[in-house]
Amino acid sequence: MVERKFLYDVLVDDLTKYEIVLLTARRGREINEMRIALEKKHETRLIEKEKPTIVAMREILRGDLGYTFRRSGEKPMKEQFKRGMKKTL
């Protein structure tokens, strides 16, 4: 029988559960926005086999996703603010 690992059982680069949730949500939004852009470009509806958050969690567990967390008081890097993201000072 194959042993299944769950996200809360795996230690991911010393990240807290809160940080994992933040990474998953942000990456899930990026994946969803890419899907929407493809739908508009090709004028067709795409069929999702997996939810964007599941894809994002798999990327985090495999270590495919690079990230850096900002310390409090540190200014944000220049980035485009996308829909649903709040600008922090």
C-alpha atoms as a PDB file:
ATOM      1  CA  MET A   1       0.000   0.000   0.000  1.00  0.00           C
ATOM      2  CA  VAL A   2       1.263   3.482  -0.882  1.00  0.00           C
ATOM      3  CA  GLU A   3       1.839   5.774   2.084  1.00  0.00           C
ATOM      4  CA  ARG A   4       0.151   9.131   1.553  1.00  0.00           C
ATOM      5  CA  LYS A   5       1.622  12.320   2.913  1.00  0.00           C
ATOM      6  CA  PHE A   6      -0.559  15.197   3.965  1.00  0.00           C
ATOM      7  CA  LEU A   7       0.452  18.837   3.877  1.00  0.00           C
ATOM      8  CA  TYR A   8       0.202  19.207   7.642  1.00  0.00           C
ATOM      9  CA  ASP A   9       2.457  16.151   8.164  1.00  0.00           C
ATOM     10  CA  VAL A  10       5.288  17.459   5.981  1.00  0.00           C
ATOM     11  CA  LEU A  11       7.823  20.046   7.110  1.00  0.00           C
ATOM     12  CA  VAL A  12       8.369  22.437   4.209  1.00  0.00           C
ATOM     13  CA  ASP A  13      11.585  24.452   4.627  1.00  0.00           C
ATOM     14  CA  ASP A  14      10.683  25.375   8.220  1.00  0.00           C
ATOM     15  CA  LEU A  15       7.556  27.225   7.069  1.00  0.00           C
ATOM     16  CA  THR A  16       4.670  27.754   9.420  1.00  0.00           C
ATOM     17  CA  LYS A  17       1.199  26.615   8.426  1.00  0.00           C
ATOM     18  CA  TYR A  18       0.230  30.258   8.011  1.00  0.00           C
ATOM     19  CA  GLU A  19       3.091  30.863   5.527  1.00  0.00           C
ATOM     20  CA  ILE A  20       2.158  27.731   3.586  1.00  0.00           C
ATOM     21  CA  VAL A  21      -1.429  28.973   3.305  1.00  0.00           C
ATOM     22  CA  LEU A  22      -0.226  32.372   2.076  1.00  0.00           C
ATOM     23  CA  LEU A  23       2.036  30.803  -0.555  1.00  0.00           C
ATOM     24  CA  THR A  24      -0.668  28.410  -1.702  1.00  0.00           C
ATOM     25  CA  ALA A  25      -3.287  31.151  -2.014  1.00  0.00           C
ATOM     26  CA  ARG A  26      -1.009  33.527  -3.927  1.00  0.00           C
ATOM     27  CA  ARG A  27       0.213  30.837  -6.341  1.00  0.00           C
ATOM     28  CA  GLY A  28      -3.349  29.543  -6.795  1.00  0.00           C
ATOM     29  CA  ARG A  29      -4.451  33.040  -7.830  1.00  0.00           C
ATOM     30  CA  GLU A  30      -1.571  33.264 -10.326  1.00  0.00           C
ATOM     31  CA  ILE A  31      -2.490  29.900 -11.864  1.00  0.00           C
ATOM     32  CA  ASN A  32      -6.149  30.921 -12.118  1.00  0.00           C
ATOM     33  CA  GLU A  33      -5.254  34.240 -13.772  1.00  0.00           C
ATOM     34  CA  MET A  34      -3.116  32.387 -16.338  1.00  0.00           C
ATOM     35  CA  ARG A  35      -6.069  30.100 -17.104  1.00  0.00           C
ATOM     36  CA  ILE A  36      -8.369  33.097 -17.576  1.00  0.00           C
ATOM     37  CA  ALA A  37      -5.849  34.771 -19.902  1.00  0.00           C
ATOM     38  CA  LEU A  38      -5.608  31.594 -22.003  1.00  0.00           C
ATOM     39  CA  GLU A  39      -9.403  31.368 -22.222  1.00  0.00           C
ATOM     40  CA  LYS A  40      -9.606  34.954 -23.464  1.00  0.00           C
ATOM     41  CA  LYS A  41      -6.752  34.480 -25.931  1.00  0.00           C
ATOM     42  CA  HIS A  42      -8.220  31.339 -27.501  1.00  0.00           C
ATOM     43  CA  GLU A  43     -11.865  32.330 -26.969  1.00  0.00           C
ATOM     44  CA  THR A  44     -12.769  28.980 -25.485  1.00  0.00           C
ATOM     45  CA  ARG A  45     -13.503  27.509 -22.073  1.00  0.00           C
ATOM     46  CA  LEU A  46     -10.771  25.336 -20.560  1.00  0.00           C
ATOM     47  CA  ILE A  47     -11.582  22.287 -18.482  1.00  0.00           C
ATOM     48  CA  GLU A  48      -9.830  22.112 -15.115  1.00  0.00           C
ATOM     49  CA  LYS A  49      -8.694  18.677 -14.032  1.00  0.00           C
ATOM     50  CA  GLU A  50      -7.434  20.004 -10.705  1.00  0.00           C
ATOM     51  CA  LYS A  51      -8.138  23.108  -8.679  1.00  0.00           C
ATOM     52  CA  PRO A  52      -5.442  25.828  -8.790  1.00  0.00           C
ATOM     53  CA  THR A  53      -4.808  25.487  -5.042  1.00  0.00           C
ATOM     54  CA  ILE A  54      -4.074  21.752  -5.387  1.00  0.00           C
ATOM     55  CA  VAL A  55      -1.576  22.481  -8.166  1.00  0.00           C
ATOM     56  CA  ALA A  56       0.000  25.188  -5.994  1.00  0.00           C
ATOM     57  CA  MET A  57       0.324  22.853  -2.983  1.00  0.00           C
ATOM     58  CA  ARG A  58       2.005  20.212  -5.124  1.00  0.00           C
ATOM     59  CA  GLU A  59       4.479  22.793  -6.405  1.00  0.00           C
ATOM     60  CA  ILE A  60       5.302  23.824  -2.826  1.00  0.00           C
ATOM     61  CA  LEU A  61       5.767  20.228  -1.663  1.00  0.00           C
ATOM     62  CA  ARG A  62       8.042  19.415  -4.618  1.00  0.00           C
ATOM     63  CA  GLY A  63      10.080  22.566  -3.995  1.00  0.00           C
ATOM     64  CA  ASP A  64       9.325  24.023  -7.441  1.00  0.00           C
ATOM     65  CA  LEU A  65       8.166  27.342  -6.050  1.00  0.00           C
ATOM     66  CA  GLY A  66      10.715  30.001  -5.102  1.00  0.00           C
ATOM     67  CA  TYR A  67       9.694  32.591  -2.533  1.00  0.00           C
ATOM     68  CA  THR A  68      10.964  35.196  -0.109  1.00  0.00           C
ATOM     69  CA  PHE A  69       9.059  36.658   2.800  1.00  0.00           C
ATOM     70  CA  ARG A  70       9.274  40.334   3.612  1.00  0.00           C
ATOM     71  CA  ARG A  71      10.158  41.293   7.169  1.00  0.00           C
ATOM     72  CA  SER A  72       7.981  43.798   8.964  1.00  0.00           C
ATOM     73  CA  GLY A  73       9.000  47.345   8.088  1.00  0.00           C
ATOM     74  CA  GLU A  74      10.724  46.208   4.892  1.00  0.00           C
ATOM     75  CA  LYS A  75       9.499  47.912   1.712  1.00  0.00           C
ATOM     76  CA  PRO A  76       7.876  45.693  -0.924  1.00  0.00           C
ATOM     77  CA  MET A  77       9.738  44.897  -4.104  1.00  0.00           C
ATOM     78  CA  LYS A  78       8.416  46.601  -7.208  1.00  0.00           C
ATOM     79  CA  GLU A  79       5.692  44.346  -8.462  1.00  0.00           C
ATOM     80  CA  GLN A  80       2.462  44.743 -10.283  1.00  0.00           C
ATOM     81  CA  PHE A  81      -0.509  44.651  -8.012  1.00  0.00           C
ATOM     82  CA  LYS A  82      -3.060  42.235  -9.362  1.00  0.00           C
ATOM     83  CA  ARG A  83      -6.745  42.065  -8.712  1.00  0.00           C
ATOM     84  CA  GLY A  84      -7.444  40.872  -5.181  1.00  0.00           C
ATOM     85  CA  MET A  85      -4.022  41.765  -3.828  1.00  0.00           C
ATOM     86  CA  LYS A  86      -3.713  44.611  -1.355  1.00  0.00           C
ATOM     87  CA  LYS A  87      -0.865  47.083  -1.431  1.00  0.00           C
ATOM     88  CA  THR A  88       1.086  47.036   1.818  1.00  0.00           C
ATOM     89  CA  LEU A  89       3.340  49.797   3.067  1.00  0.00           C
END
